[in-house]
Each structure stands twice: as structure tokens, then as C-alpha cells.
N, C-alpha and C. Protein backbone atom coordinates (compact mmCIF):
# COMPACT_ATOMS: atom_id res chain seq x y z
N MET A 1 16.05 110.66 173.91
CA MET A 1 16.84 109.73 174.71
C MET A 1 15.93 108.61 175.19
N PRO A 2 16.28 107.35 174.92
CA PRO A 2 15.44 106.25 175.37
C PRO A 2 15.42 106.15 176.89
N ALA A 3 14.28 105.75 177.41
CA ALA A 3 14.15 105.60 178.86
C ALA A 3 15.02 104.44 179.33
N SER A 4 15.61 104.60 180.51
CA SER A 4 16.43 103.53 181.07
C SER A 4 15.53 102.36 181.45
N LYS A 5 16.16 101.20 181.61
CA LYS A 5 15.40 100.01 181.98
C LYS A 5 14.70 100.22 183.33
N GLU A 6 15.39 100.91 184.25
CA GLU A 6 14.82 101.16 185.57
C GLU A 6 13.57 102.04 185.48
N ILE A 7 13.67 103.12 184.69
CA ILE A 7 12.51 104.03 184.59
C ILE A 7 11.35 103.33 183.88
N LYS A 8 11.65 102.45 182.93
CA LYS A 8 10.58 101.70 182.27
C LYS A 8 9.88 100.79 183.27
N GLY A 9 10.64 100.18 184.16
CA GLY A 9 10.05 99.32 185.19
C GLY A 9 9.18 100.13 186.15
N ILE A 10 9.70 101.30 186.55
CA ILE A 10 8.93 102.18 187.43
C ILE A 10 7.66 102.63 186.71
N MET A 11 7.81 102.99 185.44
CA MET A 11 6.66 103.48 184.66
C MET A 11 5.56 102.42 184.59
N ARG A 12 5.96 101.19 184.32
CA ARG A 12 4.98 100.11 184.23
C ARG A 12 4.30 99.90 185.59
N HIS A 13 5.08 99.92 186.65
CA HIS A 13 4.52 99.70 187.99
C HIS A 13 3.57 100.84 188.38
N VAL A 14 3.98 102.08 188.11
CA VAL A 14 3.13 103.24 188.42
C VAL A 14 1.83 103.14 187.62
N THR A 15 1.94 102.76 186.35
CA THR A 15 0.75 102.61 185.51
C THR A 15 -0.17 101.55 186.09
N GLU A 16 0.39 100.43 186.53
CA GLU A 16 -0.43 99.36 187.13
C GLU A 16 -1.13 99.86 188.39
N ILE A 17 -0.43 100.64 189.20
CA ILE A 17 -1.03 101.19 190.43
C ILE A 17 -2.19 102.12 190.08
N ILE A 18 -1.98 103.00 189.10
CA ILE A 18 -3.03 103.95 188.71
C ILE A 18 -4.25 103.20 188.16
N ILE A 19 -4.01 102.23 187.30
CA ILE A 19 -5.11 101.44 186.74
C ILE A 19 -5.88 100.73 187.85
N ASP A 20 -5.15 100.16 188.80
CA ASP A 20 -5.77 99.42 189.90
C ASP A 20 -6.53 100.36 190.84
N GLU A 21 -5.89 101.44 191.26
CA GLU A 21 -6.50 102.36 192.21
C GLU A 21 -7.73 103.06 191.64
N LEU A 22 -7.69 103.38 190.36
CA LEU A 22 -8.81 104.08 189.73
C LEU A 22 -9.82 103.12 189.12
N LYS A 23 -9.51 101.82 189.24
CA LYS A 23 -10.39 100.77 188.71
C LYS A 23 -10.74 101.03 187.24
N LEU A 24 -9.70 101.33 186.47
CA LEU A 24 -9.89 101.59 185.04
C LEU A 24 -10.12 100.27 184.31
N GLU A 25 -11.16 100.22 183.53
CA GLU A 25 -11.46 99.03 182.76
C GLU A 25 -10.98 99.22 181.33
N ASP A 26 -10.69 98.12 180.67
CA ASP A 26 -10.24 98.15 179.28
C ASP A 26 -8.95 98.93 179.08
N VAL A 27 -8.14 99.03 180.14
CA VAL A 27 -6.86 99.72 180.04
C VAL A 27 -5.80 98.79 180.60
N THR A 28 -4.68 98.69 179.90
CA THR A 28 -3.55 97.89 180.39
C THR A 28 -2.33 98.80 180.45
N PRO A 29 -1.28 98.36 181.16
CA PRO A 29 -0.05 99.17 181.16
C PRO A 29 0.49 99.39 179.75
N ASP A 30 0.24 98.45 178.85
CA ASP A 30 0.73 98.60 177.48
C ASP A 30 -0.07 99.60 176.66
N THR A 31 -1.34 99.80 177.00
CA THR A 31 -2.17 100.73 176.23
C THR A 31 -2.28 102.10 176.91
N PHE A 32 -1.79 102.23 178.12
CA PHE A 32 -1.87 103.48 178.87
C PHE A 32 -0.80 104.45 178.37
N ASN A 33 -1.20 105.64 177.99
CA ASN A 33 -0.26 106.65 177.48
C ASN A 33 0.42 107.36 178.66
N PRO A 34 1.76 107.19 178.82
CA PRO A 34 2.45 107.81 179.95
C PRO A 34 2.50 109.33 179.89
N GLU A 35 2.12 109.90 178.74
CA GLU A 35 2.11 111.36 178.60
C GLU A 35 0.73 111.96 178.85
N MET A 36 -0.27 111.11 179.08
CA MET A 36 -1.64 111.60 179.30
C MET A 36 -1.71 112.39 180.60
N ASP A 37 -2.34 113.55 180.54
CA ASP A 37 -2.51 114.37 181.73
C ASP A 37 -3.57 113.70 182.61
N LEU A 38 -3.16 113.31 183.80
CA LEU A 38 -4.04 112.53 184.67
C LEU A 38 -5.25 113.33 185.14
N VAL A 39 -5.08 114.63 185.31
CA VAL A 39 -6.20 115.46 185.78
C VAL A 39 -7.08 115.89 184.61
N ASP A 40 -6.46 116.50 183.60
CA ASP A 40 -7.24 117.05 182.48
C ASP A 40 -7.81 115.98 181.55
N GLU A 41 -7.04 114.93 181.27
CA GLU A 41 -7.50 113.92 180.32
C GLU A 41 -8.17 112.72 180.98
N LEU A 42 -7.65 112.31 182.14
CA LEU A 42 -8.21 111.14 182.81
C LEU A 42 -9.28 111.54 183.83
N GLY A 43 -9.21 112.78 184.29
CA GLY A 43 -10.23 113.29 185.19
C GLY A 43 -10.06 112.87 186.65
N ILE A 44 -8.82 112.55 187.07
CA ILE A 44 -8.66 112.19 188.48
C ILE A 44 -8.72 113.45 189.33
N ASP A 45 -9.21 113.30 190.54
CA ASP A 45 -9.32 114.45 191.43
C ASP A 45 -8.23 114.39 192.50
N SER A 46 -8.23 115.37 193.39
CA SER A 46 -7.17 115.46 194.39
C SER A 46 -7.18 114.26 195.34
N MET A 47 -8.35 113.71 195.63
CA MET A 47 -8.42 112.53 196.50
C MET A 47 -7.79 111.31 195.82
N ASP A 48 -8.08 111.13 194.52
CA ASP A 48 -7.46 110.04 193.77
C ASP A 48 -5.94 110.20 193.75
N LEU A 49 -5.48 111.42 193.51
CA LEU A 49 -4.05 111.67 193.45
C LEU A 49 -3.40 111.41 194.81
N ALA A 50 -4.07 111.80 195.88
CA ALA A 50 -3.54 111.57 197.22
C ALA A 50 -3.45 110.07 197.51
N THR A 51 -4.45 109.32 197.10
CA THR A 51 -4.44 107.87 197.29
C THR A 51 -3.29 107.24 196.52
N ILE A 52 -3.13 107.64 195.27
CA ILE A 52 -2.04 107.11 194.45
C ILE A 52 -0.69 107.48 195.07
N ALA A 53 -0.56 108.71 195.55
CA ALA A 53 0.69 109.16 196.17
C ALA A 53 1.01 108.32 197.40
N LEU A 54 0.00 107.99 198.21
CA LEU A 54 0.23 107.16 199.39
C LEU A 54 0.71 105.77 199.01
N VAL A 55 0.10 105.19 198.00
CA VAL A 55 0.52 103.86 197.54
C VAL A 55 1.95 103.92 197.03
N LEU A 56 2.27 104.95 196.26
CA LEU A 56 3.63 105.09 195.72
C LEU A 56 4.65 105.28 196.84
N GLN A 57 4.28 106.04 197.86
CA GLN A 57 5.18 106.23 199.00
C GLN A 57 5.49 104.89 199.67
N ASP A 58 4.47 104.07 199.85
CA ASP A 58 4.66 102.75 200.46
C ASP A 58 5.50 101.84 199.57
N GLU A 59 5.19 101.84 198.29
CA GLU A 59 5.87 100.96 197.33
C GLU A 59 7.35 101.30 197.20
N TYR A 60 7.66 102.59 197.12
CA TYR A 60 9.03 103.02 196.83
C TYR A 60 9.78 103.56 198.04
N LYS A 61 9.13 103.54 199.20
CA LYS A 61 9.76 104.02 200.44
C LYS A 61 10.32 105.44 200.28
N ILE A 62 9.45 106.31 199.75
CA ILE A 62 9.81 107.71 199.57
C ILE A 62 8.74 108.57 200.22
N VAL A 63 9.02 109.85 200.33
CA VAL A 63 8.03 110.81 200.83
C VAL A 63 7.66 111.73 199.67
N ILE A 64 6.37 111.82 199.40
CA ILE A 64 5.88 112.73 198.37
C ILE A 64 5.20 113.88 199.08
N ASP A 65 5.81 115.05 199.01
CA ASP A 65 5.29 116.24 199.66
C ASP A 65 3.99 116.67 198.97
N GLU A 66 2.99 117.00 199.76
CA GLU A 66 1.71 117.43 199.19
C GLU A 66 1.87 118.62 198.25
N ASP A 67 2.85 119.47 198.51
CA ASP A 67 3.10 120.62 197.65
C ASP A 67 3.58 120.18 196.26
N ASP A 68 4.07 118.94 196.16
CA ASP A 68 4.55 118.44 194.87
C ASP A 68 3.44 117.80 194.04
N TYR A 69 2.28 117.56 194.61
CA TYR A 69 1.19 116.91 193.86
C TYR A 69 0.91 117.57 192.51
N PRO A 70 0.86 118.92 192.44
CA PRO A 70 0.58 119.53 191.13
C PRO A 70 1.61 119.18 190.05
N LYS A 71 2.83 118.81 190.44
CA LYS A 71 3.87 118.43 189.48
C LYS A 71 3.61 117.06 188.89
N LEU A 72 2.81 116.25 189.57
CA LEU A 72 2.62 114.85 189.19
C LEU A 72 1.46 114.72 188.21
N LYS A 73 1.62 115.31 187.04
CA LYS A 73 0.52 115.39 186.07
C LYS A 73 0.44 114.20 185.14
N THR A 74 1.58 113.56 184.86
CA THR A 74 1.60 112.42 183.94
C THR A 74 2.37 111.27 184.57
N VAL A 75 2.20 110.09 184.03
CA VAL A 75 2.95 108.93 184.53
C VAL A 75 4.44 109.18 184.37
N ARG A 76 4.83 109.77 183.24
CA ARG A 76 6.26 110.04 183.02
C ARG A 76 6.80 110.99 184.09
N LEU A 77 6.07 112.05 184.42
CA LEU A 77 6.53 112.99 185.45
C LEU A 77 6.57 112.32 186.83
N ILE A 78 5.61 111.48 187.11
CA ILE A 78 5.60 110.74 188.38
C ILE A 78 6.84 109.85 188.46
N CYS A 79 7.15 109.17 187.38
CA CYS A 79 8.31 108.27 187.36
C CYS A 79 9.61 109.03 187.55
N GLU A 80 9.74 110.17 186.88
CA GLU A 80 10.94 110.98 187.04
C GLU A 80 11.05 111.48 188.48
N TYR A 81 9.93 111.85 189.08
CA TYR A 81 9.90 112.30 190.47
C TYR A 81 10.36 111.18 191.40
N ILE A 82 9.82 109.98 191.19
CA ILE A 82 10.19 108.81 192.02
C ILE A 82 11.68 108.51 191.86
N GLU A 83 12.16 108.51 190.62
CA GLU A 83 13.57 108.22 190.37
C GLU A 83 14.47 109.23 191.08
N GLU A 84 14.07 110.50 191.04
CA GLU A 84 14.85 111.55 191.71
C GLU A 84 14.85 111.34 193.23
N LYS A 85 13.67 111.01 193.79
CA LYS A 85 13.56 110.78 195.23
C LYS A 85 14.41 109.57 195.66
N ILE A 86 14.39 108.51 194.87
CA ILE A 86 15.18 107.32 195.17
C ILE A 86 16.67 107.66 195.13
N ALA A 87 17.07 108.43 194.13
CA ALA A 87 18.48 108.80 193.96
C ALA A 87 19.00 109.67 195.10
N THR A 88 18.13 110.51 195.67
CA THR A 88 18.58 111.45 196.71
C THR A 88 18.41 110.93 198.13
N ARG A 89 17.85 109.74 198.30
CA ARG A 89 17.63 109.24 199.66
C ARG A 89 18.88 108.55 200.22
N HIS A 90 19.85 108.28 199.38
CA HIS A 90 21.04 107.56 199.84
C HIS A 90 22.08 108.50 200.40
């Protein structure tokens, strides 16, 4: 099933945040694999993930429970989580 236009926008924005927060060089939102495991493949630690979660909370006006951090393994999973949180806040 193709990703909706909204999820693609969220995915690009989340990717930009991750690239910016982790100061990744030679990586663009277009070359970043949304299926890459952020911990195992990219090597981010819990502090990096917490920082990214805080930025995402501010950007999307959602609450990301610390217990949910382990679920946020890939950009795609983060985007689905954000979309679900946005949908249930109304």
C-alpha cells in the first residue's frame, strides 16, 4: 500500500530532524532509508532518541511516552506512531 501524502510529509520531516539532531553528514532525506534500524544500524543511543522524541513532541504537539521509545526503531515506525497520536488527540 503506498504511503499517504501526509505520512510522506511526516516521514520527510522526521528524517530531516534526525539528520539535523544527529549531525549526520553526507545524508539527505532522499538518501535516508526509512526502514533503517536507528539503534542497530545507525547507532543512536537512548539520549539521542530522547532528544529526537522531545523535538518531535514540540513539532507535532504530541506526547511520546518514554515507555514507547523502544517501539520507535525506524523512521517509518516513528511516522506511524506520530500519525496515530495526531489522529487520537482530537
